C-alpha atoms as a PDB file:
ATOM      1  CA  MET A   1      28.042 123.916  89.271  1.00  0.00           C
ATOM      2  CA  PHE A   2      28.526 123.963  93.300  1.00  0.00           C
ATOM      3  CA  HIS A   3      30.641 121.844  95.460  1.00  0.00           C
ATOM      4  CA  ALA A   4      29.480 121.419  98.975  1.00  0.00           C
ATOM      5  CA  ARG A   5      31.042 119.936 102.220  1.00  0.00           C
ATOM      6  CA  ILE A   6      28.753 119.496 105.147  1.00  0.00           C
ATOM      7  CA  VAL A   7      30.449 118.905 108.395  1.00  0.00           C
ATOM      8  CA  SER A   8      28.470 118.067 111.616  1.00  0.00           C
ATOM      9  CA  PRO A   9      29.050 116.024 114.733  1.00  0.00           C
ATOM     10  CA  ARG A  10      26.720 113.130 113.139  1.00  0.00           C
ATOM     11  CA  GLY A  11      29.176 112.891 110.190  1.00  0.00           C
ATOM     12  CA  SER A  12      30.252 114.656 106.924  1.00  0.00           C
ATOM     13  CA  LEU A  13      29.171 114.763 103.283  1.00  0.00           C
ATOM     14  CA  TYR A  14      30.451 116.073 100.016  1.00  0.00           C
ATOM     15  CA  VAL A  15      27.947 116.984  97.301  1.00  0.00           C
ATOM     16  CA  ALA A  16      28.481 118.333  93.733  1.00  0.00           C
ATOM     17  CA  ALA A  17      25.524 119.436  91.644  1.00  0.00           C
ATOM     18  CA  GLU A  18      24.277 122.298  89.452  1.00  0.00           C
ATOM     19  CA  ALA A  19      22.892 125.448  91.402  1.00  0.00           C
ATOM     20  CA  THR A  20      19.444 124.732  90.603  1.00  0.00           C
ATOM     21  CA  PRO A  21      16.588 125.206  92.991  1.00  0.00           C
ATOM     22  CA  TYR A  22      16.020 121.514  93.034  1.00  0.00           C
ATOM     23  CA  ASP A  23      19.671 120.669  93.789  1.00  0.00           C
ATOM     24  CA  LEU A  24      19.928 123.274  96.506  1.00  0.00           C
ATOM     25  CA  GLU A  25      16.755 122.074  98.191  1.00  0.00           C
ATOM     26  CA  ASN A  26      18.278 118.599  98.050  1.00  0.00           C
ATOM     27  CA  LEU A  27      21.582 119.994  99.611  1.00  0.00           C
ATOM     28  CA  ARG A  28      19.319 121.557 102.445  1.00  0.00           C
ATOM     29  CA  MET A  29      17.866 118.200 103.124  1.00  0.00           C
ATOM     30  CA  HIS A  30      21.387 116.741 103.542  1.00  0.00           C
ATOM     31  CA  VAL A  31      22.402 119.572 106.003  1.00  0.00           C
ATOM     32  CA  HIS A  32      19.081 119.019 107.992  1.00  0.00           C
ATOM     33  CA  ASP A  33      19.758 115.108 108.107  1.00  0.00           C
ATOM     34  CA  LEU A  34      23.356 115.772 109.309  1.00  0.00           C
ATOM     35  CA  ARG A  35      22.368 118.520 111.857  1.00  0.00           C
ATOM     36  CA  ALA A  36      22.356 117.450 115.469  1.00  0.00           C
ATOM     37  CA  ALA A  37      19.296 118.816 117.170  1.00  0.00           C
ATOM     38  CA  ALA A  38      20.774 120.650 120.109  1.00  0.00           C
ATOM     39  CA  SER A  39      24.000 121.553 118.617  1.00  0.00           C
ATOM     40  CA  ALA A  40      25.365 124.504 116.423  1.00  0.00           C
ATOM     41  CA  ASP A  41      28.268 122.618 115.151  1.00  0.00           C
ATOM     42  CA  THR A  42      27.082 122.084 111.725  1.00  0.00           C
ATOM     43  CA  ARG A  43      28.997 123.698 108.981  1.00  0.00           C
ATOM     44  CA  LEU A  44      28.424 124.000 105.238  1.00  0.00           C
ATOM     45  CA  GLU A  45      31.289 125.051 103.074  1.00  0.00           C
ATOM     46  CA  LEU A  46      30.077 126.097  99.742  1.00  0.00           C
ATOM     47  CA  ARG A  47      32.117 126.629  96.453  1.00  0.00           C
ATOM     48  CA  ILE A  48      30.660 127.645  93.058  1.00  0.00           C
ATOM     49  CA  ASP A  49      32.500 127.211  89.852  1.00  0.00           C
ATOM     50  CA  ARG A  50      33.189 130.046  87.628  1.00  0.00           C
ATOM     51  CA  PRO A  51      31.554 131.524  85.306  1.00  0.00           C
ATOM     52  CA  SER A  52      28.042 131.574  86.916  1.00  0.00           C
ATOM     53  CA  SER A  53      25.171 133.757  86.250  1.00  0.00           C
ATOM     54  CA  THR A  54      23.965 136.381  88.533  1.00  0.00           C
ATOM     55  CA  ALA A  55      20.769 134.442  89.016  1.00  0.00           C
ATOM     56  CA  THR A  56      22.765 131.780  90.489  1.00  0.00           C
ATOM     57  CA  TYR A  57      24.758 133.952  92.885  1.00  0.00           C
ATOM     58  CA  GLN A  58      21.361 135.397  94.121  1.00  0.00           C
ATOM     59  CA  ARG A  59      20.018 131.849  94.564  1.00  0.00           C
ATOM     60  CA  VAL A  60      22.854 130.652  96.434  1.00  0.00           C
ATOM     61  CA  SER A  61      23.041 134.033  98.522  1.00  0.00           C
ATOM     62  CA  THR A  62      19.342 133.423  99.574  1.00  0.00           C
ATOM     63  CA  PHE A  63      19.947 129.810 100.366  1.00  0.00           C
ATOM     64  CA  LEU A  64      22.952 130.516 102.552  1.00  0.00           C
ATOM     65  CA  GLN A  65      21.283 133.318 104.430  1.00  0.00           C
ATOM     66  CA  GLN A  66      18.321 131.094 105.099  1.00  0.00           C
ATOM     67  CA  LEU A  67      20.559 128.329 106.467  1.00  0.00           C
ATOM     68  CA  GLU A  68      22.550 130.778 108.826  1.00  0.00           C
ATOM     69  CA  ALA A  69      19.053 132.052 110.259  1.00  0.00           C
ATOM     70  CA  GLU A  70      18.590 128.289 111.212  1.00  0.00           C
ATOM     71  CA  GLY A  71      22.170 128.318 113.057  1.00  0.00           C
ATOM     72  CA  ILE A  72      23.989 126.630 110.424  1.00  0.00           C
ATOM     73  CA  GLN A  73      27.746 128.095 109.989  1.00  0.00           C
ATOM     74  CA  THR A  74      28.397 128.438 106.308  1.00  0.00           C
ATOM     75  CA  SER A  75      31.043 129.726 104.234  1.00  0.00           C
ATOM     76  CA  PHE A  76      31.230 130.648 100.516  1.00  0.00           C
ATOM     77  CA  SER A  77      33.990 130.888  97.816  1.00  0.00           C
ATOM     78  CA  LEU A  78      34.357 131.013  94.025  1.00  0.00           C
ATOM     79  CA  SER A  79      36.504 128.559  92.498  1.00  0.00           C
ATOM     80  CA  PRO A  80      39.730 129.886  91.050  1.00  0.00           C
ATOM     81  CA  PRO A  81      39.276 130.928  87.189  1.00  0.00           C
ATOM     82  CA  PRO A  82      40.491 127.988  85.080  1.00  0.00           C
ATOM     83  CA  SER A  83      44.052 128.541  84.056  1.00  0.00           C
ATOM     84  CA  SER A  84      44.578 128.904  80.386  1.00  0.00           C
ATOM     85  CA  PRO A  85      46.834 126.073  79.208  1.00  0.00           C
ATOM     86  CA  ARG A  86      50.143 127.257  77.536  1.00  0.00           C
ATOM     87  CA  PRO A  87      50.120 126.732  73.937  1.00  0.00           C
ATOM     88  CA  THR A  88      52.746 124.485  72.632  1.00  0.00           C
ATOM     89  CA  ALA A  89      54.252 126.519  69.869  1.00  0.00           C
ATOM     90  CA  ALA A  90      56.693 125.188  67.347  1.00  0.00           C
ATOM     91  CA  PRO A  91      60.043 126.378  67.998  1.00  0.00           C
ATOM     92  CA  SER A  92      60.711 129.552  66.043  1.00  0.00           C
ATOM     93  CA  PHE A  93      64.031 130.005  63.983  1.00  0.00           C
ATOM     94  CA  ASN A  94      65.400 133.364  63.093  1.00  0.00           C
ATOM     95  CA  GLY A  95      66.561 132.105  59.666  1.00  0.00           C
ATOM     96  CA  VAL A  96      66.347 129.218  57.387  1.00  0.00           C
ATOM     97  CA  ALA A  97      68.330 126.188  58.216  1.00  0.00           C
ATOM     98  CA  ARG A  98      70.790 125.125  55.501  1.00  0.00           C
ATOM     99  CA  ARG A  99      72.148 121.882  55.238  1.00  0.00           C
ATOM    100  CA  GLY A 100      74.973 121.246  57.452  1.00  0.00           C
ATOM    101  CA  SER A 101      74.359 124.551  59.652  1.00  0.00           C
ATOM    102  CA  ALA A 102      73.242 124.255  63.135  1.00  0.00           C
ATOM    103  CA  CYS A 103      69.886 125.922  64.192  1.00  0.00           C
END
């Protein structure tokens, strides 16, 4: 999945979708719609969630290179890996509690 933020003099837009060819082409149309004709002030910030396949990285890389060739400023980042939740273990005791004794 990707998260994209388009910023231009004409406005801004946030898009989140899978990194399929269809969704990347849809993103390209949004970038072009927001791009001011005589301005190079359009920026696309793209973040991809982990894990993604090598094919996805290649598809996105090619997509960004094409936009850069058109004069769009781009930035790319990977989402941080998900933090593993800390397990909530039951408290451990070094011995068996007997009636009347403190644990």
